[in-house]
C-alpha atoms as a PDB file:
ATOM      1  CA  UNK A   1     -61.279  -0.896 -19.651  1.00  0.00           C
ATOM      2  CA  UNK A   2     -61.670  -1.661 -15.667  1.00  0.00           C
ATOM      3  CA  UNK A   3     -65.071  -2.054 -13.674  1.00  0.00           C
ATOM      4  CA  UNK A   4     -65.168   0.515 -11.028  1.00  0.00           C
ATOM      5  CA  UNK A   5     -67.461   1.830  -8.058  1.00  0.00           C
ATOM      6  CA  UNK A   6     -68.463   5.232  -6.891  1.00  0.00           C
ATOM      7  CA  UNK A   7     -69.398   5.027  -3.350  1.00  0.00           C
ATOM      8  CA  UNK A   8     -69.079   6.669  -0.271  1.00  0.00           C
ATOM      9  CA  UNK A   9     -68.628   3.275   1.989  1.00  0.00           C
ATOM     10  CA  UNK A  10     -65.410   2.582   0.291  1.00  0.00           C
ATOM     11  CA  UNK A  11     -62.593   2.998   3.004  1.00  0.00           C
ATOM     12  CA  UNK A  12     -60.180   5.901   1.605  1.00  0.00           C
ATOM     13  CA  UNK A  13     -58.690   6.606   5.132  1.00  0.00           C
ATOM     14  CA  UNK A  14     -54.827   6.829   4.379  1.00  0.00           C
ATOM     15  CA  UNK A  15     -54.491   7.475   0.822  1.00  0.00           C
ATOM     16  CA  UNK A  16     -51.825   9.649  -0.064  1.00  0.00           C
ATOM     17  CA  UNK A  17     -51.579  12.117  -3.134  1.00  0.00           C
ATOM     18  CA  UNK A  18     -50.206   9.882  -6.149  1.00  0.00           C
ATOM     19  CA  UNK A  19     -50.401  12.023  -9.281  1.00  0.00           C
ATOM     20  CA  UNK A  20     -52.511  14.616 -10.984  1.00  0.00           C
ATOM     21  CA  UNK A  21     -55.326  14.080 -14.195  1.00  0.00           C
ATOM     22  CA  UNK A  22     -55.973  17.187 -16.233  1.00  0.00           C
ATOM     23  CA  UNK A  23     -59.673  17.238 -16.673  1.00  0.00           C
ATOM     24  CA  UNK A  24     -63.005  19.226 -16.520  1.00  0.00           C
ATOM     25  CA  UNK A  25     -65.796  18.491 -13.756  1.00  0.00           C
ATOM     26  CA  UNK A  26     -68.028  17.889 -16.271  1.00  0.00           C
ATOM     27  CA  UNK A  27     -65.854  15.292 -17.946  1.00  0.00           C
ATOM     28  CA  UNK A  28     -65.320  13.739 -14.623  1.00  0.00           C
ATOM     29  CA  UNK A  29     -69.044  13.694 -13.987  1.00  0.00           C
ATOM     30  CA  UNK A  30     -69.599  12.028 -17.354  1.00  0.00           C
ATOM     31  CA  UNK A  31     -67.116   9.247 -16.919  1.00  0.00           C
ATOM     32  CA  UNK A  32     -67.286   8.679 -13.209  1.00  0.00           C
ATOM     33  CA  UNK A  33     -70.605   9.873 -11.894  1.00  0.00           C
ATOM     34  CA  UNK A  34     -71.768  12.360  -9.585  1.00  0.00           C
ATOM     35  CA  UNK A  35     -69.149  13.114  -7.116  1.00  0.00           C
ATOM     36  CA  UNK A  36     -68.901  10.482  -3.873  1.00  0.00           C
ATOM     37  CA  UNK A  37     -68.868  13.746  -1.644  1.00  0.00           C
ATOM     38  CA  UNK A  38     -69.941  17.194  -2.397  1.00  0.00           C
ATOM     39  CA  UNK A  39     -72.728  18.611  -4.151  1.00  0.00           C
ATOM     40  CA  UNK A  40     -70.805  20.545  -7.186  1.00  0.00           C
ATOM     41  CA  UNK A  41     -67.459  21.461  -8.033  1.00  0.00           C
ATOM     42  CA  UNK A  42     -66.382  23.517  -5.170  1.00  0.00           C
ATOM     43  CA  UNK A  43     -66.142  20.577  -2.865  1.00  0.00           C
ATOM     44  CA  UNK A  44     -66.136  17.607  -5.194  1.00  0.00           C
ATOM     45  CA  UNK A  45     -64.341  14.181  -4.205  1.00  0.00           C
ATOM     46  CA  UNK A  46     -64.893  11.368  -6.306  1.00  0.00           C
ATOM     47  CA  UNK A  47     -64.238   8.341  -3.847  1.00  0.00           C
ATOM     48  CA  UNK A  48     -63.553   4.950  -6.660  1.00  0.00           C
ATOM     49  CA  UNK A  49     -62.756   1.545  -6.261  1.00  0.00           C
ATOM     50  CA  UNK A  50     -61.625  -0.422  -9.232  1.00  0.00           C
ATOM     51  CA  UNK A  51     -61.741  -4.144  -9.972  1.00  0.00           C
ATOM     52  CA  UNK A  52     -57.854  -4.543 -11.737  1.00  0.00           C
ATOM     53  CA  UNK A  53     -57.281  -7.579 -13.227  1.00  0.00           C
ATOM     54  CA  UNK A  54     -54.058  -9.560 -12.248  1.00  0.00           C
ATOM     55  CA  UNK A  55     -53.334 -11.098 -15.824  1.00  0.00           C
ATOM     56  CA  UNK A  56     -54.991 -10.689 -19.432  1.00  0.00           C
ATOM     57  CA  UNK A  57     -56.501 -14.094 -19.562  1.00  0.00           C
ATOM     58  CA  UNK A  58     -59.894 -15.204 -18.437  1.00  0.00           C
ATOM     59  CA  UNK A  59     -58.644 -15.516 -14.557  1.00  0.00           C
ATOM     60  CA  UNK A  60     -61.257 -14.175 -12.298  1.00  0.00           C
ATOM     61  CA  UNK A  61     -57.880 -13.236 -10.075  1.00  0.00           C
ATOM     62  CA  UNK A  62     -58.493  -9.467  -9.336  1.00  0.00           C
ATOM     63  CA  UNK A  63     -57.088  -6.632  -7.397  1.00  0.00           C
ATOM     64  CA  UNK A  64     -59.031  -4.324  -5.636  1.00  0.00           C
ATOM     65  CA  UNK A  65     -57.501  -0.340  -5.954  1.00  0.00           C
ATOM     66  CA  UNK A  66     -58.884   2.693  -4.174  1.00  0.00           C
ATOM     67  CA  UNK A  67     -58.393   6.066  -5.729  1.00  0.00           C
ATOM     68  CA  UNK A  68     -60.194   9.476  -5.214  1.00  0.00           C
ATOM     69  CA  UNK A  69     -60.374  12.653  -7.445  1.00  0.00           C
ATOM     70  CA  UNK A  70     -60.347  15.660  -5.787  1.00  0.00           C
ATOM     71  CA  UNK A  71     -59.241  19.519  -5.730  1.00  0.00           C
ATOM     72  CA  UNK A  72     -56.175  21.100  -4.244  1.00  0.00           C
ATOM     73  CA  UNK A  73     -57.203  23.771  -2.412  1.00  0.00           C
ATOM     74  CA  UNK A  74     -60.450  25.491  -1.546  1.00  0.00           C
ATOM     75  CA  UNK A  75     -62.332  27.440  -4.155  1.00  0.00           C
ATOM     76  CA  UNK A  76     -64.566  30.398  -3.798  1.00  0.00           C
ATOM     77  CA  UNK A  77     -66.900  32.466  -6.025  1.00  0.00           C
ATOM     78  CA  UNK A  78     -63.813  33.779  -7.792  1.00  0.00           C
ATOM     79  CA  UNK A  79     -61.248  30.490  -7.893  1.00  0.00           C
ATOM     80  CA  UNK A  80     -63.453  28.113  -9.581  1.00  0.00           C
ATOM     81  CA  UNK A  81     -61.874  26.652 -13.068  1.00  0.00           C
ATOM     82  CA  UNK A  82     -64.287  27.195 -16.260  1.00  0.00           C
ATOM     83  CA  UNK A  83     -62.368  24.434 -18.096  1.00  0.00           C
ATOM     84  CA  UNK A  84     -59.178  22.052 -17.825  1.00  0.00           C
ATOM     85  CA  UNK A  85     -58.117  21.890 -14.146  1.00  0.00           C
ATOM     86  CA  UNK A  86     -55.235  19.539 -12.629  1.00  0.00           C
ATOM     87  CA  UNK A  87     -57.022  17.388 -10.540  1.00  0.00           C
ATOM     88  CA  UNK A  88     -55.314  15.292  -7.400  1.00  0.00           C
ATOM     89  CA  UNK A  89     -55.505  11.521  -7.635  1.00  0.00           C
ATOM     90  CA  UNK A  90     -54.820  10.164  -4.144  1.00  0.00           C
ATOM     91  CA  UNK A  91     -54.780   6.312  -3.389  1.00  0.00           C
ATOM     92  CA  UNK A  92     -52.546   3.396  -1.639  1.00  0.00           C
ATOM     93  CA  UNK A  93     -50.222   3.221  -4.301  1.00  0.00           C
ATOM     94  CA  UNK A  94     -49.540   4.298  -7.737  1.00  0.00           C
ATOM     95  CA  UNK A  95     -52.126   1.938  -9.280  1.00  0.00           C
ATOM     96  CA  UNK A  96     -54.407   4.531  -8.314  1.00  0.00           C
ATOM     97  CA  UNK A  97     -53.435   6.957 -11.234  1.00  0.00           C
ATOM     98  CA  UNK A  98     -53.325   4.416 -13.282  1.00  0.00           C
ATOM     99  CA  UNK A  99     -56.650   2.975 -13.253  1.00  0.00           C
ATOM    100  CA  UNK A 100     -58.005   6.326 -13.419  1.00  0.00           C
ATOM    101  CA  UNK A 101     -56.118   7.533 -16.215  1.00  0.00           C
ATOM    102  CA  UNK A 102     -57.066   4.189 -18.060  1.00  0.00           C
ATOM    103  CA  UNK A 103     -60.921   4.555 -17.773  1.00  0.00           C
ATOM    104  CA  UNK A 104     -60.605   8.317 -18.510  1.00  0.00           C
ATOM    105  CA  UNK A 105     -58.462   7.229 -21.743  1.00  0.00           C
ATOM    106  CA  UNK A 106     -55.599   9.577 -20.586  1.00  0.00           C
ATOM    107  CA  UNK A 107     -52.599   6.652 -19.966  1.00  0.00           C
ATOM    108  CA  UNK A 108     -49.604   9.552 -20.327  1.00  0.00           C
ATOM    109  CA  UNK A 109     -48.037  11.275 -17.431  1.00  0.00           C
ATOM    110  CA  UNK A 110     -49.490  14.597 -16.392  1.00  0.00           C
END
């Protein structure tokens, strides 16, 4: 599993949609902590930076991968999912989705 930070100081300007994960809001909170931006699921966004090793050995060489997890559209009181939702995962490349899915234990394509 990759080490990661959930921090509002991570630069995520210029990230683009890379894929999706299906999860409940509560599961995302359990795994990644409270949303980085927003107070609840109506405006939640996680801004994450993963430390991804470049090889399987004991090398300290790594790459830092930025990812955001966020909702697709605006929700109102009548449009908040009670269960599983298809969350957007954005990043600078597809490594963002790989890191999010790996930490969630959900490597399959959504």
